[in-house]
Amino acid sequence: MDIAVRTIIFCIVFLVVFGVGGIWLQIFLSKKESKWAGLILPIITFAISVLVFLGNVFYSIGSVTRSDMVNGEIIETFTQFPSMIGPAVLIFLLYNIPTAVLLAIYAACRGKRKRQRVLEKMSVQDLE
């Protein structure tokens, strides 16, 4: 088997294990008594998406998109702000997909926990 194929297989297995482990960790933290424990991973992924977004914006502001020589003179064309809004927003949305998935897991687990507490209260009231 070629080294490139082995590397690709290793990367895919690593990403699957990492993804399943992250989802398991989110479910575990969401079932904790404290509601803040389940928000740790979504806050981390949101912070990463904000950092990537800001890095992209600041890199695009300072980068030269084109240099031309006209009549022996170098003319540099810089990135226009409106032209980088679309890609920056797209990157921000794509990096927030894991945040949305983690928040959905959090909401599902907390909803089950809330229903269990209501049922426990009802059973305690029935005993009285």
Protein backbone atom coordinates (compact mmCIF):
# COMPACT_ATOMS: atom_id res chain seq x y z
CA MET A 1 0.00 0.00 0.00
CA ASP A 2 1.31 3.44 -0.89
CA ILE A 3 2.41 5.83 1.87
CA ALA A 4 -0.08 8.46 0.70
CA VAL A 5 -2.99 6.01 1.03
CA ARG A 6 -1.83 5.02 4.52
CA THR A 7 -1.60 8.66 5.52
CA ILE A 8 -5.11 9.39 4.23
CA ILE A 9 -6.55 6.37 6.03
CA PHE A 10 -4.78 7.38 9.24
CA CYS A 11 -6.14 10.94 8.96
CA ILE A 12 -9.69 9.72 8.36
CA VAL A 13 -9.55 7.30 11.30
CA PHE A 14 -8.06 10.04 13.51
CA LEU A 15 -10.80 12.51 12.55
CA VAL A 16 -13.56 9.96 13.16
CA VAL A 17 -12.14 9.00 16.57
CA PHE A 18 -11.64 12.68 17.46
CA GLY A 19 -15.21 13.54 16.36
CA VAL A 20 -16.83 10.63 18.22
CA GLY A 21 -14.75 11.40 21.31
CA GLY A 22 -15.79 15.06 21.18
CA ILE A 23 -19.47 14.15 20.87
CA TRP A 24 -19.18 11.66 23.72
CA LEU A 25 -17.46 14.30 25.87
CA GLN A 26 -20.18 16.83 25.05
CA ILE A 27 -22.92 14.36 26.04
CA PHE A 28 -21.06 13.53 29.26
CA LEU A 29 -20.59 17.21 30.18
CA SER A 30 -24.18 18.13 29.24
CA LYS A 31 -25.56 15.53 31.64
CA LYS A 32 -23.69 17.05 34.58
CA GLU A 33 -25.62 18.91 37.27
CA SER A 34 -23.97 22.22 36.42
CA LYS A 35 -25.27 23.74 33.21
CA TRP A 36 -21.93 25.47 32.57
CA ALA A 37 -20.06 22.18 32.16
CA GLY A 38 -21.97 21.43 28.97
CA LEU A 39 -21.18 24.86 27.54
CA ILE A 40 -17.39 24.46 27.72
CA LEU A 41 -16.91 22.84 24.30
CA PRO A 42 -19.33 25.14 22.42
CA ILE A 43 -17.60 28.18 23.92
CA ILE A 44 -14.19 26.81 22.85
CA THR A 45 -15.34 26.11 19.28
CA PHE A 46 -16.99 29.54 19.06
CA ALA A 47 -13.81 31.23 20.29
CA ILE A 48 -11.78 29.35 17.67
CA SER A 49 -14.19 30.45 14.94
CA VAL A 50 -13.92 34.08 16.06
CA LEU A 51 -10.11 33.87 16.07
CA VAL A 52 -10.05 32.36 12.58
CA PHE A 53 -12.51 34.99 11.35
CA LEU A 54 -10.48 37.86 12.78
CA GLY A 55 -7.23 36.35 11.51
CA ASN A 56 -8.71 36.08 8.02
CA VAL A 57 -9.99 39.66 8.11
CA PHE A 58 -6.72 41.12 9.39
CA TYR A 59 -4.66 39.06 6.94
CA SER A 60 -6.87 40.16 4.05
CA ILE A 61 -6.66 43.83 5.03
CA GLY A 62 -2.88 43.82 4.94
CA SER A 63 -2.30 41.56 1.99
CA VAL A 64 -1.47 42.73 -1.49
CA THR A 65 -3.63 41.02 -4.04
CA ARG A 66 -1.77 42.14 -7.14
CA SER A 67 1.38 43.96 -8.16
CA ASP A 68 1.76 45.29 -11.68
CA MET A 69 4.52 47.22 -13.37
CA VAL A 70 3.21 50.07 -15.48
CA ASN A 71 5.68 52.36 -17.26
CA GLY A 72 8.51 51.13 -15.04
CA GLU A 73 6.50 51.85 -11.87
CA ILE A 74 5.17 49.16 -9.50
CA ILE A 75 1.46 49.56 -8.79
CA GLU A 76 0.03 47.53 -5.91
CA THR A 77 -3.67 46.82 -5.67
CA PHE A 78 -4.90 46.11 -2.15
CA THR A 79 -7.89 44.01 -1.14
CA GLN A 80 -11.04 46.07 -0.99
CA PHE A 81 -13.03 45.71 2.22
CA PRO A 82 -16.40 44.84 0.55
CA SER A 83 -14.78 42.09 -1.50
CA MET A 84 -13.61 40.23 1.60
CA ILE A 85 -16.87 40.36 3.58
CA GLY A 86 -18.42 37.37 1.79
CA PRO A 87 -15.53 34.94 2.23
CA ALA A 88 -14.98 36.05 5.83
CA VAL A 89 -18.64 35.47 6.73
CA LEU A 90 -18.57 32.10 4.96
CA ILE A 91 -15.49 31.05 6.93
CA PHE A 92 -17.16 32.21 10.16
CA LEU A 93 -20.30 30.18 9.40
CA LEU A 94 -18.35 27.07 8.40
CA TYR A 95 -16.25 27.20 11.56
CA ASN A 96 -19.44 27.49 13.64
CA ILE A 97 -20.94 24.21 12.38
CA PRO A 98 -19.31 22.27 15.26
CA THR A 99 -20.60 24.93 17.67
CA ALA A 100 -24.15 24.42 16.40
CA VAL A 101 -23.83 20.62 16.66
CA LEU A 102 -22.48 20.85 20.21
CA LEU A 103 -25.25 23.26 21.24
CA ALA A 104 -27.88 20.92 19.77
CA ILE A 105 -26.44 18.04 21.81
CA TYR A 106 -26.41 20.28 24.88
CA ALA A 107 -30.05 21.31 24.35
CA ALA A 108 -31.17 17.69 23.87
CA CYS A 109 -29.39 16.44 26.99
CA ARG A 110 -30.54 19.37 29.14
CA GLY A 111 -34.12 18.89 27.91
CA LYS A 112 -34.08 15.26 29.03
CA ARG A 113 -32.60 16.30 32.38
CA LYS A 114 -35.28 18.94 32.85
CA ARG A 115 -38.06 16.42 32.12
CA GLN A 116 -36.56 13.98 34.62
CA ARG A 117 -36.53 16.67 37.33
CA VAL A 118 -40.18 17.52 36.64
CA LEU A 119 -41.13 13.84 36.87
CA GLU A 120 -39.20 13.49 40.13
CA LYS A 121 -41.03 16.49 41.59
CA MET A 122 -44.37 15.04 40.53
CA SER A 123 -43.57 11.66 42.10
CA VAL A 124 -42.49 13.37 45.36
CA GLN A 125 -45.75 15.35 45.39
CA ASP A 126 -47.73 12.14 44.80
CA LEU A 127 -46.07 10.53 47.83
CA GLU A 128 -47.08 13.41 50.11
